[in-house]
C-alpha atoms as a PDB file:
ATOM      1  CA  MET A   1      65.001 -10.793 -67.064  1.00  0.00           C
ATOM      2  CA  ASN A   2      64.278 -14.422 -66.254  1.00  0.00           C
ATOM      3  CA  ILE A   3      61.230 -14.687 -63.986  1.00  0.00           C
ATOM      4  CA  LEU A   4      59.675 -17.767 -62.378  1.00  0.00           C
ATOM      5  CA  PHE A   5      55.914 -17.843 -61.789  1.00  0.00           C
ATOM      6  CA  CYS A   6      54.928 -20.640 -59.412  1.00  0.00           C
ATOM      7  CA  SER A   7      51.494 -22.315 -59.386  1.00  0.00           C
ATOM      8  CA  VAL A   8      50.620 -20.496 -62.584  1.00  0.00           C
ATOM      9  CA  GLY A   9      47.214 -22.115 -63.081  1.00  0.00           C
ATOM     10  CA  ARG A  10      44.869 -20.049 -65.264  1.00  0.00           C
ATOM     11  CA  ARG A  11      46.754 -16.744 -65.168  1.00  0.00           C
ATOM     12  CA  CYS A  12      47.187 -16.595 -68.949  1.00  0.00           C
ATOM     13  CA  GLU A  13      46.441 -12.900 -69.409  1.00  0.00           C
ATOM     14  CA  LEU A  14      48.990 -11.909 -66.772  1.00  0.00           C
ATOM     15  CA  LEU A  15      51.754 -13.760 -68.621  1.00  0.00           C
ATOM     16  CA  LYS A  16      50.596 -12.231 -71.898  1.00  0.00           C
ATOM     17  CA  ASP A  17      50.832  -8.749 -70.356  1.00  0.00           C
ATOM     18  CA  PHE A  18      54.390  -9.436 -69.208  1.00  0.00           C
ATOM     19  CA  ARG A  19      55.290 -10.573 -72.722  1.00  0.00           C
ATOM     20  CA  LYS A  20      53.568  -7.572 -74.310  1.00  0.00           C
ATOM     21  CA  THR A  21      55.559  -5.165 -72.134  1.00  0.00           C
ATOM     22  CA  LEU A  22      58.989  -6.774 -72.060  1.00  0.00           C
ATOM     23  CA  GLY A  23      59.076  -8.795 -75.288  1.00  0.00           C
ATOM     24  CA  ASP A  24      62.450 -10.381 -75.982  1.00  0.00           C
ATOM     25  CA  ASN A  25      63.867  -8.899 -72.765  1.00  0.00           C
ATOM     26  CA  LEU A  26      61.930 -11.517 -70.828  1.00  0.00           C
ATOM     27  CA  LYS A  27      62.127 -15.263 -70.250  1.00  0.00           C
ATOM     28  CA  ILE A  28      59.008 -16.657 -68.583  1.00  0.00           C
ATOM     29  CA  VAL A  29      59.497 -19.871 -66.606  1.00  0.00           C
ATOM     30  CA  VAL A  30      56.467 -21.389 -64.872  1.00  0.00           C
ATOM     31  CA  THR A  31      55.580 -24.276 -62.594  1.00  0.00           C
ATOM     32  CA  ASP A  32      52.368 -26.079 -61.814  1.00  0.00           C
ATOM     33  CA  ASN A  33      51.312 -29.355 -60.254  1.00  0.00           C
ATOM     34  CA  SER A  34      49.076 -30.101 -63.234  1.00  0.00           C
ATOM     35  CA  PRO A  35      50.180 -30.519 -66.856  1.00  0.00           C
ATOM     36  CA  TYR A  36      46.780 -29.116 -67.865  1.00  0.00           C
ATOM     37  CA  ALA A  37      47.187 -25.637 -66.382  1.00  0.00           C
ATOM     38  CA  PRO A  38      46.283 -23.372 -69.334  1.00  0.00           C
ATOM     39  CA  ALA A  39      48.848 -20.686 -68.507  1.00  0.00           C
ATOM     40  CA  LEU A  40      51.647 -23.137 -69.298  1.00  0.00           C
ATOM     41  CA  ALA A  41      50.939 -22.397 -72.964  1.00  0.00           C
ATOM     42  CA  PHE A  42      52.184 -18.819 -72.564  1.00  0.00           C
ATOM     43  CA  ALA A  43      55.555 -19.604 -70.968  1.00  0.00           C
ATOM     44  CA  ASP A  44      58.974 -20.143 -72.521  1.00  0.00           C
ATOM     45  CA  VAL A  45      59.718 -23.038 -70.160  1.00  0.00           C
ATOM     46  CA  SER A  46      57.354 -25.009 -67.905  1.00  0.00           C
ATOM     47  CA  TYR A  47      57.941 -27.554 -65.148  1.00  0.00           C
ATOM     48  CA  GLN A  48      55.578 -29.999 -63.504  1.00  0.00           C
ATOM     49  CA  VAL A  49      56.281 -29.948 -59.775  1.00  0.00           C
ATOM     50  CA  PRO A  50      54.954 -31.756 -56.678  1.00  0.00           C
ATOM     51  CA  LEU A  51      52.438 -30.205 -54.291  1.00  0.00           C
ATOM     52  CA  ILE A  52      53.710 -27.122 -52.454  1.00  0.00           C
ATOM     53  CA  THR A  53      53.636 -29.111 -49.174  1.00  0.00           C
ATOM     54  CA  ASP A  54      55.949 -31.826 -50.504  1.00  0.00           C
ATOM     55  CA  LYS A  55      59.398 -31.906 -48.892  1.00  0.00           C
ATOM     56  CA  THR A  56      61.037 -31.914 -52.329  1.00  0.00           C
ATOM     57  CA  TYR A  57      59.167 -28.827 -53.510  1.00  0.00           C
ATOM     58  CA  ILE A  58      61.525 -26.040 -52.418  1.00  0.00           C
ATOM     59  CA  PRO A  59      64.695 -27.962 -53.403  1.00  0.00           C
ATOM     60  CA  MET A  60      63.175 -28.415 -56.864  1.00  0.00           C
ATOM     61  CA  LEU A  61      62.401 -24.678 -57.162  1.00  0.00           C
ATOM     62  CA  LEU A  62      65.968 -23.865 -56.166  1.00  0.00           C
ATOM     63  CA  GLU A  63      67.288 -26.206 -58.842  1.00  0.00           C
ATOM     64  CA  ILE A  64      65.007 -24.628 -61.436  1.00  0.00           C
ATOM     65  CA  CYS A  65      66.325 -21.201 -60.423  1.00  0.00           C
ATOM     66  CA  LYS A  66      69.894 -22.387 -60.952  1.00  0.00           C
ATOM     67  CA  LYS A  67      69.200 -24.097 -64.271  1.00  0.00           C
ATOM     68  CA  GLU A  68      67.165 -21.258 -65.770  1.00  0.00           C
ATOM     69  CA  ASN A  69      69.238 -18.431 -64.265  1.00  0.00           C
ATOM     70  CA  ILE A  70      66.150 -17.032 -62.560  1.00  0.00           C
ATOM     71  CA  GLN A  71      66.344 -13.448 -61.252  1.00  0.00           C
ATOM     72  CA  ALA A  72      62.864 -13.114 -59.708  1.00  0.00           C
ATOM     73  CA  ILE A  73      60.320 -15.561 -58.316  1.00  0.00           C
ATOM     74  CA  THR A  74      56.689 -15.133 -57.317  1.00  0.00           C
ATOM     75  CA  THR A  75      53.588 -17.247 -56.785  1.00  0.00           C
ATOM     76  CA  LEU A  76      50.023 -16.792 -57.935  1.00  0.00           C
ATOM     77  CA  ILE A  77      48.305 -18.684 -55.081  1.00  0.00           C
ATOM     78  CA  ASP A  78      47.930 -17.597 -51.464  1.00  0.00           C
ATOM     79  CA  PRO A  79      49.034 -20.770 -49.605  1.00  0.00           C
ATOM     80  CA  GLU A  80      52.459 -20.632 -51.257  1.00  0.00           C
ATOM     81  CA  ILE A  81      53.299 -17.048 -50.332  1.00  0.00           C
ATOM     82  CA  ALA A  82      54.547 -17.786 -46.811  1.00  0.00           C
ATOM     83  CA  ILE A  83      56.429 -20.848 -48.079  1.00  0.00           C
ATOM     84  CA  LEU A  84      58.491 -18.740 -50.483  1.00  0.00           C
ATOM     85  CA  ALA A  85      58.928 -16.048 -47.831  1.00  0.00           C
ATOM     86  CA  ALA A  86      60.252 -18.625 -45.358  1.00  0.00           C
ATOM     87  CA  HIS A  87      62.981 -19.599 -47.837  1.00  0.00           C
ATOM     88  CA  ARG A  88      63.846 -16.060 -48.939  1.00  0.00           C
ATOM     89  CA  GLU A  89      67.506 -16.319 -47.895  1.00  0.00           C
ATOM     90  CA  GLU A  90      68.039 -19.488 -49.941  1.00  0.00           C
ATOM     91  CA  PHE A  91      66.674 -17.840 -53.073  1.00  0.00           C
ATOM     92  CA  GLU A  92      68.553 -14.601 -52.437  1.00  0.00           C
ATOM     93  CA  ALA A  93      71.796 -16.601 -52.121  1.00  0.00           C
ATOM     94  CA  LEU A  94      71.213 -17.534 -55.779  1.00  0.00           C
ATOM     95  CA  GLY A  95      70.589 -13.913 -56.755  1.00  0.00           C
ATOM     96  CA  VAL A  96      66.811 -14.373 -56.939  1.00  0.00           C
ATOM     97  CA  GLU A  97      64.485 -11.563 -55.846  1.00  0.00           C
ATOM     98  CA  VAL A  98      61.526 -13.066 -53.950  1.00  0.00           C
ATOM     99  CA  LEU A  99      58.429 -11.069 -54.881  1.00  0.00           C
ATOM    100  CA  THR A 100      56.508 -11.867 -51.715  1.00  0.00           C
ATOM    101  CA  PRO A 101      56.207 -10.074 -48.381  1.00  0.00           C
ATOM    102  CA  TYR A 102      58.582 -10.886 -45.554  1.00  0.00           C
ATOM    103  CA  LEU A 103      57.576 -13.871 -43.475  1.00  0.00           C
ATOM    104  CA  GLU A 104      55.681 -12.283 -40.567  1.00  0.00           C
ATOM    105  CA  THR A 105      53.670 -10.127 -42.968  1.00  0.00           C
ATOM    106  CA  ALA A 106      52.975 -13.159 -45.165  1.00  0.00           C
ATOM    107  CA  LYS A 107      51.631 -15.105 -42.171  1.00  0.00           C
ATOM    108  CA  LEU A 108      49.352 -12.241 -41.134  1.00  0.00           C
ATOM    109  CA  CYS A 109      47.931 -11.881 -44.634  1.00  0.00           C
ATOM    110  CA  PHE A 110      47.067 -15.584 -44.781  1.00  0.00           C
ATOM    111  CA  ASP A 111      45.388 -15.704 -41.358  1.00  0.00           C
ATOM    112  CA  LYS A 112      42.425 -13.315 -41.542  1.00  0.00           C
ATOM    113  CA  PHE A 113      41.699 -13.492 -37.813  1.00  0.00           C
ATOM    114  CA  GLU A 114      45.260 -12.622 -36.804  1.00  0.00           C
ATOM    115  CA  MET A 115      45.286  -9.904 -39.459  1.00  0.00           C
ATOM    116  CA  ALA A 116      42.174  -8.293 -37.971  1.00  0.00           C
ATOM    117  CA  ASN A 117      43.672  -8.379 -34.472  1.00  0.00           C
ATOM    118  CA  TYR A 118      46.948  -6.892 -35.731  1.00  0.00           C
ATOM    119  CA  LEU A 119      45.215  -4.081 -37.599  1.00  0.00           C
ATOM    120  CA  THR A 120      43.160  -3.222 -34.503  1.00  0.00           C
ATOM    121  CA  GLN A 121      46.337  -3.075 -32.398  1.00  0.00           C
ATOM    122  CA  LYS A 122      47.931  -0.744 -34.956  1.00  0.00           C
ATOM    123  CA  GLY A 123      44.913   1.559 -35.118  1.00  0.00           C
ATOM    124  CA  ILE A 124      44.045   0.681 -38.723  1.00  0.00           C
ATOM    125  CA  PRO A 125      40.268   0.715 -39.365  1.00  0.00           C
ATOM    126  CA  THR A 126      39.168  -2.810 -40.234  1.00  0.00           C
ATOM    127  CA  ILE A 127      36.099  -5.024 -40.060  1.00  0.00           C
ATOM    128  CA  LYS A 128      35.041  -6.274 -36.615  1.00  0.00           C
ATOM    129  CA  THR A 129      36.095  -9.918 -36.559  1.00  0.00           C
ATOM    130  CA  TYR A 130      35.447 -12.790 -34.142  1.00  0.00           C
ATOM    131  CA  GLY A 131      37.161 -16.155 -34.058  1.00  0.00           C
ATOM    132  CA  SER A 132      34.353 -18.160 -32.473  1.00  0.00           C
ATOM    133  CA  PHE A 133      30.605 -18.168 -31.908  1.00  0.00           C
ATOM    134  CA  ALA A 134      31.185 -17.705 -28.164  1.00  0.00           C
ATOM    135  CA  SER A 135      33.210 -14.511 -28.599  1.00  0.00           C
ATOM    136  CA  PHE A 136      30.657 -13.141 -31.072  1.00  0.00           C
ATOM    137  CA  LYS A 137      27.763 -14.025 -28.734  1.00  0.00           C
ATOM    138  CA  GLU A 138      29.453 -12.149 -25.904  1.00  0.00           C
ATOM    139  CA  ALA A 139      29.784  -9.027 -28.080  1.00  0.00           C
ATOM    140  CA  TYR A 140      26.215  -9.513 -29.350  1.00  0.00           C
ATOM    141  CA  ASP A 141      24.806  -9.706 -25.811  1.00  0.00           C
ATOM    142  CA  LYS A 142      26.625  -6.462 -24.943  1.00  0.00           C
ATOM    143  CA  GLY A 143      25.127  -4.715 -27.946  1.00  0.00           C
ATOM    144  CA  GLU A 144      28.526  -4.373 -29.637  1.00  0.00           C
ATOM    145  CA  MET A 145      27.467  -6.462 -32.654  1.00  0.00           C
ATOM    146  CA  THR A 146      24.257  -6.995 -34.570  1.00  0.00           C
ATOM    147  CA  LEU A 147      22.906  -9.451 -37.123  1.00  0.00           C
ATOM    148  CA  PRO A 148      23.189 -10.215 -39.993  1.00  0.00           C
ATOM    149  CA  VAL A 149      26.913 -11.029 -40.166  1.00  0.00           C
ATOM    150  CA  PHE A 150      29.358 -12.385 -42.721  1.00  0.00           C
ATOM    151  CA  VAL A 151      31.284 -15.636 -42.231  1.00  0.00           C
ATOM    152  CA  LYS A 152      34.327 -16.871 -44.148  1.00  0.00           C
ATOM    153  CA  PRO A 153      37.256 -19.254 -43.635  1.00  0.00           C
ATOM    154  CA  ARG A 154      40.067 -18.006 -41.427  1.00  0.00           C
ATOM    155  CA  THR A 155      42.556 -19.006 -44.124  1.00  0.00           C
ATOM    156  CA  GLY A 156      42.239 -19.732 -47.816  1.00  0.00           C
ATOM    157  CA  SER A 157      41.357 -17.761 -50.914  1.00  0.00           C
ATOM    158  CA  GLY A 158      38.838 -17.415 -53.693  1.00  0.00           C
ATOM    159  CA  SER A 159      35.909 -16.550 -51.351  1.00  0.00           C
ATOM    160  CA  VAL A 160      35.119 -20.257 -50.969  1.00  0.00           C
ATOM    161  CA  GLY A 161      32.723 -20.743 -48.040  1.00  0.00           C
ATOM    162  CA  ALA A 162      32.078 -17.020 -47.546  1.00  0.00           C
ATOM    163  CA  ARG A 163      28.430 -16.104 -47.012  1.00  0.00           C
ATOM    164  CA  ARG A 164      25.919 -13.958 -45.151  1.00  0.00           C
ATOM    165  CA  VAL A 165      24.200 -15.357 -42.038  1.00  0.00           C
ATOM    166  CA  ASP A 166      20.995 -13.729 -40.787  1.00  0.00           C
ATOM    167  CA  THR A 167      20.094 -15.419 -37.490  1.00  0.00           C
ATOM    168  CA  LEU A 168      21.838 -16.373 -34.277  1.00  0.00           C
ATOM    169  CA  GLU A 169      20.591 -19.943 -34.574  1.00  0.00           C
ATOM    170  CA  MET A 170      21.972 -20.351 -38.077  1.00  0.00           C
ATOM    171  CA  LEU A 171      25.283 -18.747 -37.039  1.00  0.00           C
ATOM    172  CA  GLU A 172      25.683 -21.208 -34.169  1.00  0.00           C
ATOM    173  CA  GLU A 173      24.929 -24.066 -36.536  1.00  0.00           C
ATOM    174  CA  VAL A 174      27.323 -23.116 -39.351  1.00  0.00           C
ATOM    175  CA  THR A 175      30.213 -22.256 -37.023  1.00  0.00           C
ATOM    176  CA  GLY A 176      29.606 -25.493 -35.127  1.00  0.00           C
ATOM    177  CA  GLN A 177      29.876 -27.452 -38.365  1.00  0.00           C
ATOM    178  CA  ASP A 178      33.023 -25.628 -39.472  1.00  0.00           C
ATOM    179  CA  GLU A 179      35.273 -24.238 -36.736  1.00  0.00           C
ATOM    180  CA  SER A 180      37.596 -22.671 -39.335  1.00  0.00           C
ATOM    181  CA  LEU A 181      35.042 -19.920 -39.995  1.00  0.00           C
ATOM    182  CA  ILE A 182      35.478 -16.416 -38.644  1.00  0.00           C
ATOM    183  CA  ILE A 183      32.561 -14.063 -38.045  1.00  0.00           C
ATOM    184  CA  GLN A 184      32.634 -10.502 -39.340  1.00  0.00           C
ATOM    185  CA  GLU A 185      30.472  -7.420 -39.257  1.00  0.00           C
ATOM    186  CA  LEU A 186      28.417  -7.241 -42.461  1.00  0.00           C
ATOM    187  CA  MET A 187      29.752  -4.278 -44.409  1.00  0.00           C
ATOM    188  CA  THR A 188      27.151  -2.429 -46.485  1.00  0.00           C
ATOM    189  CA  GLY A 189      29.400   0.270 -47.925  1.00  0.00           C
ATOM    190  CA  LYS A 190      31.136   0.407 -51.291  1.00  0.00           C
ATOM    191  CA  ASP A 191      33.273  -2.654 -52.095  1.00  0.00           C
ATOM    192  CA  MET A 192      36.570  -1.771 -53.773  1.00  0.00           C
ATOM    193  CA  ASP A 193      40.190  -2.741 -54.012  1.00  0.00           C
ATOM    194  CA  ALA A 194      43.625  -1.457 -54.902  1.00  0.00           C
ATOM    195  CA  ASP A 195      46.527  -2.927 -56.852  1.00  0.00           C
ATOM    196  CA  ILE A 196      49.798  -1.810 -55.268  1.00  0.00           C
ATOM    197  CA  TYR A 197      53.464  -2.156 -56.119  1.00  0.00           C
ATOM    198  CA  VAL A 198      56.025  -1.823 -53.320  1.00  0.00           C
ATOM    199  CA  ASP A 199      59.461  -1.076 -54.736  1.00  0.00           C
ATOM    200  CA  THR A 200      61.900  -3.871 -53.832  1.00  0.00           C
ATOM    201  CA  ILE A 201      64.817  -1.468 -53.375  1.00  0.00           C
ATOM    202  CA  LYS A 202      63.407   1.450 -51.406  1.00  0.00           C
ATOM    203  CA  HIS A 203      60.505  -0.609 -49.919  1.00  0.00           C
ATOM    204  CA  GLU A 204      57.935   2.122 -50.528  1.00  0.00           C
ATOM    205  CA  PRO A 205      54.705   2.037 -52.559  1.00  0.00           C
ATOM    206  CA  VAL A 206      55.319   3.491 -56.013  1.00  0.00           C
ATOM    207  CA  ALA A 207      51.992   2.578 -57.649  1.00  0.00           C
ATOM    208  CA  ILE A 208      48.423   2.458 -56.322  1.00  0.00           C
ATOM    209  CA  PHE A 209      45.536   1.747 -58.683  1.00  0.00           C
ATOM    210  CA  SER A 210      42.064   1.850 -57.107  1.00  0.00           C
ATOM    211  CA  LYS A 211      38.861   0.446 -58.540  1.00  0.00           C
ATOM    212  CA  LYS A 212      35.252  -0.025 -57.491  1.00  0.00           C
ATOM    213  CA  LYS A 213      33.792  -3.500 -57.867  1.00  0.00           C
ATOM    214  CA  ILE A 214      30.792  -3.682 -60.182  1.00  0.00           C
ATOM    215  CA  SER A 215      30.494  -7.472 -60.151  1.00  0.00           C
ATOM    216  CA  THR A 216      32.255 -10.342 -58.374  1.00  0.00           C
ATOM    217  CA  THR A 217      32.380 -14.117 -58.707  1.00  0.00           C
ATOM    218  CA  ILE A 218      34.143 -16.801 -56.672  1.00  0.00           C
ATOM    219  CA  GLY A 219      37.769 -15.795 -56.969  1.00  0.00           C
ATOM    220  CA  GLY A 220      37.293 -12.033 -57.048  1.00  0.00           C
ATOM    221  CA  ALA A 221      36.035  -9.095 -59.062  1.00  0.00           C
ATOM    222  CA  ASN A 222      35.256  -9.563 -62.744  1.00  0.00           C
ATOM    223  CA  LYS A 223      33.885  -6.111 -63.555  1.00  0.00           C
ATOM    224  CA  THR A 224      35.493  -2.992 -62.078  1.00  0.00           C
ATOM    225  CA  ILE A 225      35.749   0.748 -62.731  1.00  0.00           C
ATOM    226  CA  SER A 226      38.766   2.909 -61.902  1.00  0.00           C
ATOM    227  CA  PHE A 227      38.615   5.950 -59.627  1.00  0.00           C
ATOM    228  CA  LYS A 228      40.982   8.187 -57.689  1.00  0.00           C
ATOM    229  CA  ASP A 229      40.795   9.445 -54.123  1.00  0.00           C
ATOM    230  CA  GLN A 230      43.693  10.989 -52.240  1.00  0.00           C
ATOM    231  CA  ALA A 231      42.125   9.778 -48.986  1.00  0.00           C
ATOM    232  CA  LEU A 232      42.374   6.204 -50.281  1.00  0.00           C
ATOM    233  CA  PHE A 233      46.002   6.678 -51.328  1.00  0.00           C
ATOM    234  CA  ASP A 234      46.785   8.057 -47.858  1.00  0.00           C
ATOM    235  CA  PHE A 235      44.948   5.173 -46.195  1.00  0.00           C
ATOM    236  CA  VAL A 236      46.882   2.613 -48.252  1.00  0.00           C
ATOM    237  CA  LYS A 237      50.194   4.228 -47.305  1.00  0.00           C
ATOM    238  CA  LYS A 238      49.211   4.130 -43.621  1.00  0.00           C
ATOM    239  CA  VAL A 239      48.393   0.418 -43.902  1.00  0.00           C
ATOM    240  CA  LEU A 240      51.662  -0.359 -45.692  1.00  0.00           C
ATOM    241  CA  SER A 241      53.666   1.403 -42.979  1.00  0.00           C
ATOM    242  CA  VAL A 242      52.906  -1.396 -40.485  1.00  0.00           C
ATOM    243  CA  PHE A 243      53.879  -4.273 -42.806  1.00  0.00           C
ATOM    244  CA  GLN A 244      56.876  -5.456 -44.841  1.00  0.00           C
ATOM    245  CA  PHE A 245      55.821  -6.006 -48.441  1.00  0.00           C
ATOM    246  CA  ASN A 246      58.031  -6.617 -51.450  1.00  0.00           C
ATOM    247  CA  GLY A 247      56.556  -6.295 -54.938  1.00  0.00           C
ATOM    248  CA  PRO A 248      52.907  -6.610 -56.043  1.00  0.00           C
ATOM    249  CA  LEU A 249      49.873  -6.932 -53.801  1.00  0.00           C
ATOM    250  CA  ASP A 250      46.103  -6.572 -53.863  1.00  0.00           C
ATOM    251  CA  MET A 251      44.194  -4.836 -51.058  1.00  0.00           C
ATOM    252  CA  ASP A 252      40.435  -5.294 -50.475  1.00  0.00           C
ATOM    253  CA  LEU A 253      38.641  -2.333 -48.937  1.00  0.00           C
ATOM    254  CA  PHE A 254      35.244  -0.984 -47.991  1.00  0.00           C
ATOM    255  CA  PHE A 255      34.165   2.666 -47.883  1.00  0.00           C
ATOM    256  CA  GLN A 256      31.466   3.201 -45.307  1.00  0.00           C
ATOM    257  CA  ASN A 257      30.247   6.268 -43.394  1.00  0.00           C
ATOM    258  CA  GLY A 258      33.041   8.419 -44.820  1.00  0.00           C
ATOM    259  CA  GLN A 259      35.814   6.029 -43.775  1.00  0.00           C
ATOM    260  CA  TYR A 260      37.942   3.411 -45.538  1.00  0.00           C
ATOM    261  CA  TYR A 261      38.171   0.001 -43.867  1.00  0.00           C
ATOM    262  CA  LEU A 262      40.726  -2.668 -44.748  1.00  0.00           C
ATOM    263  CA  SER A 263      39.186  -6.078 -45.370  1.00  0.00           C
ATOM    264  CA  GLU A 264      42.184  -8.205 -46.361  1.00  0.00           C
ATOM    265  CA  ILE A 265      45.429  -8.207 -48.333  1.00  0.00           C
ATOM    266  CA  ASN A 266      46.509 -10.703 -50.994  1.00  0.00           C
ATOM    267  CA  PRO A 267      50.279 -10.151 -51.308  1.00  0.00           C
ATOM    268  CA  ARG A 268      50.589 -11.320 -54.924  1.00  0.00           C
ATOM    269  CA  PHE A 269      49.258 -10.279 -58.316  1.00  0.00           C
ATOM    270  CA  GLY A 270      45.514  -9.940 -57.809  1.00  0.00           C
ATOM    271  CA  GLY A 271      43.226 -11.575 -60.332  1.00  0.00           C
ATOM    272  CA  ALA A 272      41.957  -8.151 -61.384  1.00  0.00           C
ATOM    273  CA  TYR A 273      45.433  -6.596 -61.763  1.00  0.00           C
ATOM    274  CA  LEU A 274      44.652  -6.888 -65.481  1.00  0.00           C
ATOM    275  CA  HIS A 275      42.539  -3.760 -65.061  1.00  0.00           C
ATOM    276  CA  ALA A 276      45.454  -1.765 -63.680  1.00  0.00           C
ATOM    277  CA  TYR A 277      47.707  -2.936 -66.496  1.00  0.00           C
ATOM    278  CA  GLY A 278      45.083  -2.053 -69.096  1.00  0.00           C
ATOM    279  CA  ALA A 279      44.860   1.431 -67.606  1.00  0.00           C
ATOM    280  CA  GLY A 280      48.627   1.910 -67.903  1.00  0.00           C
ATOM    281  CA  VAL A 281      49.830   0.951 -64.407  1.00  0.00           C
ATOM    282  CA  ASP A 282      52.735  -1.235 -65.486  1.00  0.00           C
ATOM    283  CA  PHE A 283      54.010  -3.598 -62.771  1.00  0.00           C
ATOM    284  CA  PRO A 284      56.070  -5.717 -65.244  1.00  0.00           C
ATOM    285  CA  THR A 285      58.248  -2.700 -66.057  1.00  0.00           C
ATOM    286  CA  MET A 286      58.565  -1.867 -62.351  1.00  0.00           C
ATOM    287  CA  ILE A 287      59.762  -5.410 -61.637  1.00  0.00           C
ATOM    288  CA  TYR A 288      62.179  -5.183 -64.565  1.00  0.00           C
ATOM    289  CA  ASN A 289      63.573  -1.877 -63.249  1.00  0.00           C
ATOM    290  CA  ASN A 290      64.109  -3.343 -59.765  1.00  0.00           C
ATOM    291  CA  VAL A 291      65.418  -6.754 -60.793  1.00  0.00           C
ATOM    292  CA  ALA A 292      67.206  -6.376 -64.118  1.00  0.00           C
ATOM    293  CA  ASN A 293      68.313  -2.748 -63.948  1.00  0.00           C
ATOM    294  CA  LYS A 294      68.785  -2.589 -60.151  1.00  0.00           C
ATOM    295  CA  GLN A 295      67.009   0.761 -60.209  1.00  0.00           C
ATOM    296  CA  GLU A 296      64.375   2.289 -57.970  1.00  0.00           C
ATOM    297  CA  ASN A 297      61.036   3.173 -59.539  1.00  0.00           C
ATOM    298  CA  GLU A 298      59.681   6.688 -59.468  1.00  0.00           C
ATOM    299  CA  SER A 299      56.250   7.045 -57.862  1.00  0.00           C
ATOM    300  CA  VAL A 300      53.326   6.956 -60.293  1.00  0.00           C
ATOM    301  CA  ILE A 301      50.624   6.825 -57.627  1.00  0.00           C
ATOM    302  CA  GLY A 302      47.395   8.092 -59.159  1.00  0.00           C
ATOM    303  CA  ASN A 303      48.839   8.332 -62.680  1.00  0.00           C
ATOM    304  CA  TYR A 304      45.921   6.754 -64.524  1.00  0.00           C
ATOM    305  CA  GLU A 305      42.507   7.707 -65.850  1.00  0.00           C
ATOM    306  CA  GLU A 306      39.288   7.454 -63.896  1.00  0.00           C
ATOM    307  CA  ASN A 307      36.203   5.673 -65.243  1.00  0.00           C
ATOM    308  CA  VAL A 308      38.171   3.028 -67.137  1.00  0.00           C
ATOM    309  CA  VAL A 309      36.070  -0.151 -67.015  1.00  0.00           C
ATOM    310  CA  MET A 310      37.331  -3.739 -66.934  1.00  0.00           C
ATOM    311  CA  MET A 311      34.987  -6.527 -68.103  1.00  0.00           C
ATOM    312  CA  MET A 312      36.583  -9.935 -67.593  1.00  0.00           C
ATOM    313  CA  TYR A 313      35.672 -13.005 -69.639  1.00  0.00           C
ATOM    314  CA  ASP A 314      36.865 -16.596 -70.084  1.00  0.00           C
ATOM    315  CA  SER A 315      38.856 -17.994 -72.977  1.00  0.00           C
ATOM    316  CA  VAL A 316      40.458 -21.352 -73.790  1.00  0.00           C
ATOM    317  CA  VAL A 317      43.723 -23.023 -74.761  1.00  0.00           C
ATOM    318  CA  ILE A 318      43.474 -25.899 -77.269  1.00  0.00           C
ATOM    319  CA  LYS A 319      46.475 -28.225 -77.665  1.00  0.00           C
ATOM    320  CA  LYS A 320      47.231 -31.826 -78.548  1.00  0.00           C
ATOM    321  CA  LEU A 321      47.969 -34.090 -75.596  1.00  0.00           C
ATOM    322  CA  GLU A 322      51.310 -35.084 -77.100  1.00  0.00           C
ATOM    323  CA  ASP A 323      52.337 -31.421 -77.296  1.00  0.00           C
ATOM    324  CA  ILE A 324      51.364 -30.855 -73.660  1.00  0.00           C
ATOM    325  CA  GLU A 325      53.396 -33.833 -72.524  1.00  0.00           C
ATOM    326  CA  ALA A 326      56.384 -32.820 -74.657  1.00  0.00           C
ATOM    327  CA  GLY A 327      56.419 -29.258 -73.376  1.00  0.00           C
ATOM    328  CA  MET A 328      56.121 -29.970 -69.633  1.00  0.00           C
ATOM    329  CA  LYS A 329      59.423 -30.774 -67.920  1.00  0.00           C
ATOM    330  CA  LYS A 330      59.063 -33.207 -65.023  1.00  0.00           C
ATOM    331  CA  GLU A 331      62.710 -33.246 -64.013  1.00  0.00           C
ATOM    332  CA  VAL A 332      65.128 -30.411 -63.400  1.00  0.00           C
END
C-alpha cells in the first residue's frame, strides 16, 4: 500500500508504527511545508509543498498521488481536513481513498460552535456552548449558566487560547479582545477520549479504544490509562450515527453525573493514538485491509486490555543539512 500523509510535522512515532506493522508492504510518502519537519526522516519519499491555502496546493497533491501511485491519503492537522474532503472526488478519480470525513461532517468538526448546535439538535449530550458574551449573559441572567466557564477558539487545534475564566468582568474583557472565542460550561467530570476507526467500506465503527487522561499539555493528552465501558461504546456509536466519517478519528469526552458528554471530534489520527496502537488496536492493518485488500474489517470494539498506561515523551532527529536538502523533493 502506498499512503500519503500530509502536513506530517512531528508525527514520527505514528509513521514508525505503520512501518512496524506493514513493513515492506508499505510505501510511506509525506508532505510538509517545512524541510525541518522531523517526521520526514521516517518516510520513503518526502515532498516540500506550499501552504495548504495556496492555490497550487491541491494540484500538487494530485500530481504526487499520480507519480507515487498513492492509494490512500490523510492529513495530520485539523485545518486541512475539510480541504481534502472538498476534493474527495478528484482523489477518488485517481483511485485514492481519502481518509477524512465527508465535507459537511468535516466542517462541523472544525467549527466547535456549529458542532455544539448540531449535537443539541440531534439530542446528543454535549457541553453548553455560547458564541458571544451577549448570548452567555442572557443565559446567565436567567440562571441557566453559572461561573466559572471555559473559553476556547471557535476553530483551531492544540488547545491554544483555551482557559478558565472566573468572573463576568473578565469574561467580557477576554471575549471583547478576541471575538473568535466561544464560551462553554466548565466541566468538572472525568476527562477522557476515544480513538475510533470507521471502516471505509461498510462505514461503521469497527474499533473503539477508550482512555482516561492522566495528564495533558498543549496539543493533547500525554499520559493516559485504558479502560472499557459498554455505555461509552454505545454513546460513541450513537454519536457516529449522525455523522459521515471515513477512517480514523479522535473523540474528546467528559463523564459527569453518570452521563457521557461529547466535547469535540478530531477526524484524523489523534496525537495519543499511539496508546491505542501500543495496546493492540491496529489502525494501520485496518487501513491496509480496506485500501489494499478491498476488504471490510471485523469489529474489534473493546478488544484490548484495561489499565494499560501510556507515558509520552519527546525525542529528536539529528541529520546533516545537506542530507535534509537532498531528501526533500520540491518539485513533482
